[in-house]
Protein backbone atom coordinates (compact mmCIF):
# COMPACT_ATOMS: atom_id res chain seq x y z
CA MET A 1 92.31 129.58 105.95
CA ASN A 2 91.41 127.27 108.74
CA ARG A 3 91.93 123.68 107.23
CA ILE A 4 92.09 120.13 108.70
CA ASN A 5 95.66 118.64 108.60
CA ILE A 6 94.98 115.40 107.21
CA THR A 7 98.04 112.60 106.77
CA PHE A 8 98.16 111.33 103.74
CA ALA A 9 100.64 108.73 104.96
CA ILE A 10 98.64 106.55 106.50
CA PHE A 11 100.24 102.92 106.56
CA VAL A 12 103.20 101.63 108.39
CA LYS A 13 105.82 100.32 106.34
CA ASN A 14 105.23 96.52 105.15
CA CYS A 15 101.92 96.36 107.18
CA SER A 16 100.97 92.88 105.56
CA LYS A 17 97.41 92.49 106.65
CA LYS A 18 94.98 94.32 104.97
CA LYS A 19 92.22 94.23 108.12
CA PHE A 20 95.22 96.30 109.96
CA GLY A 21 95.49 98.73 107.08
CA ARG A 22 91.62 99.43 106.78
CA TYR A 23 91.49 99.87 110.69
CA LEU A 24 94.17 102.26 110.24
CA MET A 25 92.16 103.94 107.32
CA LYS A 26 89.50 104.01 109.81
CA LYS A 27 91.40 105.74 112.54
CA LEU A 28 92.64 108.60 110.39
CA PHE A 29 88.94 110.33 110.03
CA SER A 30 87.87 109.27 113.54
CA ASN A 31 88.02 113.14 115.12
CA ILE A 32 86.95 114.90 111.67
CA ASN A 33 83.40 116.23 111.69
CA PRO A 34 82.22 115.72 108.19
CA LYS A 35 80.75 118.79 107.68
CA ARG A 36 84.10 120.78 108.28
CA PHE A 37 85.75 118.31 105.70
CA GLN A 38 83.15 119.40 103.31
CA ASN A 39 83.65 123.09 104.06
CA ASP A 40 87.28 123.03 104.05
CA TYR A 41 87.42 121.02 100.66
CA GLU A 42 84.34 121.92 98.82
CA THR A 43 86.22 123.71 95.83
CA GLU A 44 88.81 122.91 93.29
CA GLU A 45 91.04 125.54 94.08
CA GLN A 46 91.40 124.11 98.12
CA CYS A 47 91.72 120.64 96.70
CA LEU A 48 94.60 121.97 94.70
CA ALA A 49 96.16 124.63 97.32
CA TYR A 50 96.04 121.44 99.89
CA LEU A 51 97.72 118.73 97.58
CA SER A 52 100.37 121.52 96.85
CA ASP A 53 101.17 122.14 100.17
CA VAL A 54 101.42 118.31 101.12
CA LYS A 55 103.41 117.41 97.93
CA TRP A 56 105.98 120.27 97.76
CA LYS A 57 106.10 120.55 101.78
CA LYS A 58 109.83 119.76 101.52
CA GLY A 59 110.41 121.91 98.70
CA TYR A 60 110.26 121.42 94.45
CA VAL A 61 112.45 119.08 92.76
CA CYS A 62 112.14 118.65 89.13
CA ARG A 63 111.51 115.30 88.36
CA LYS A 64 113.40 115.50 85.03
CA CYS A 65 116.40 117.55 85.69
CA GLY A 66 116.70 117.39 89.40
CA ASN A 67 116.50 121.60 89.68
CA THR A 68 115.18 123.24 92.77
CA ASN A 69 114.06 126.66 91.11
CA TYR A 70 110.51 126.75 90.01
CA CYS A 71 107.98 129.56 88.53
CA SER A 72 104.25 129.51 88.60
CA GLY A 73 102.84 127.22 85.76
CA LYS A 74 100.06 127.72 83.17
CA LYS A 75 97.60 125.76 85.24
CA PRO A 76 96.64 126.84 88.90
CA TYR A 77 99.19 125.57 91.59
CA SER A 78 101.26 123.82 89.23
CA ARG A 79 105.22 124.48 89.42
CA ARG A 80 107.32 124.81 85.81
CA CYS A 81 111.14 124.38 86.39
CA THR A 82 113.15 127.21 85.39
CA ARG A 83 115.95 124.95 83.86
CA CYS A 84 114.08 122.31 81.63
CA LYS A 85 110.58 124.11 81.42
CA SER A 86 109.34 120.81 82.59
CA GLU A 87 105.75 121.66 84.45
CA GLU A 88 104.10 119.64 86.81
CA SER A 89 100.69 119.96 88.44
CA ALA A 90 99.78 119.35 91.89
CA THR A 91 97.76 115.97 91.06
CA ALA A 92 100.60 114.49 89.30
CA HIS A 93 101.93 111.67 90.63
CA THR A 94 99.25 111.38 93.39
CA VAL A 95 95.90 108.96 93.41
CA PHE A 96 94.42 112.11 92.02
CA HIS A 97 96.03 112.26 88.96
CA GLY A 98 93.92 111.85 85.56
CA CYS A 99 90.65 112.10 87.90
CA LYS A 100 87.89 111.98 85.17
CA PHE A 101 85.69 113.77 88.16
CA SER A 102 85.84 116.89 90.42
CA LEU A 103 88.44 117.15 92.89
CA PRO A 104 86.25 117.79 95.61
CA SER A 105 83.94 114.61 94.51
CA ALA A 106 87.43 112.74 94.85
CA PHE A 107 88.16 114.06 98.28
CA GLN A 108 85.04 113.49 99.61
CA MET A 109 85.11 109.69 98.22
CA MET A 110 88.76 109.42 99.72
CA TYR A 111 87.05 110.56 103.23
CA GLN A 112 84.11 108.22 103.06
CA VAL A 113 86.61 105.12 102.05
CA CYS A 114 89.04 105.87 104.77
CA LYS A 115 86.05 106.80 107.27
CA LYS A 116 83.98 103.59 106.28
CA PRO A 117 86.31 101.15 104.05
CA ASP A 118 83.47 98.65 103.67
CA ILE A 119 81.40 101.12 102.49
CA SER A 120 80.06 99.83 98.86
CA SER A 121 80.38 101.64 95.46
CA TYR A 122 76.66 101.56 95.09
CA GLU A 123 76.61 103.56 98.48
CA LEU A 124 79.46 105.92 97.17
CA SER A 125 77.55 106.37 94.23
CA ARG A 126 74.22 107.42 95.82
CA LEU A 127 76.12 109.70 98.11
CA LEU A 128 78.03 111.56 95.58
CA GLU A 129 75.78 111.13 92.41
CA THR A 130 78.58 109.55 90.51
CA ARG A 131 78.03 106.31 88.46
CA GLN A 132 78.82 103.03 90.24
CA MET A 133 81.38 101.79 88.29
CA THR A 134 83.29 105.13 88.51
CA CYS A 135 83.15 104.81 92.18
CA TRP A 136 84.36 101.32 92.46
CA LYS A 137 87.19 102.21 90.15
CA PHE A 138 88.52 105.24 92.37
CA LYS A 139 87.72 103.44 95.59
CA THR A 140 89.72 100.38 94.26
CA LYS A 141 92.44 102.74 93.16
CA LEU A 142 92.23 104.54 96.61
CA ILE A 143 92.49 100.92 98.75
CA GLU A 144 95.14 99.78 96.48
CA CYS A 145 97.27 103.12 96.92
CA LEU A 146 96.87 103.12 100.40
CA GLU A 147 97.88 99.50 101.06
CA GLU A 148 100.60 99.57 98.93
CA ASN A 149 102.04 102.67 98.81
CA GLU A 150 101.86 103.67 102.32
CA GLY A 151 99.56 106.59 101.11
CA LEU A 152 97.99 108.81 98.69
CA LEU A 153 100.92 110.40 97.36
CA LEU A 154 102.71 108.28 94.95
CA ASP A 155 106.83 108.37 94.41
CA THR A 156 107.42 111.57 96.35
């Protein structure tokens, strides 16, 4: 599948100015066509596949015991440690963990927020047909994560 290569690590370490961070967010998606983005990430499976590729690109390491051997987990694109039997999903320890709405909607919201950082939660709500408070909370989570953790993958 021909997917867009999106770099989730966006910010330079110790970037203190929020305006500078928002500029980098804007720049991240400046070359990406919205229709192509939507086509590449329109299903839950496409989003999970991308997240697992990015999350484990350097290889899987169990967070509990440090083992590097794994097998497929019960859920799609999850991995299960062969030593301690701990299972980790592709969304665990990312900004998408515990997301109460669909991953394609979350990816679309991420795209909109990075493309236009000053977009209001009301506008996001209209675009994605989601409650305004849900959009506000996730937008806040995205911006905090991007500015403080230098990317959307936490603790990897």
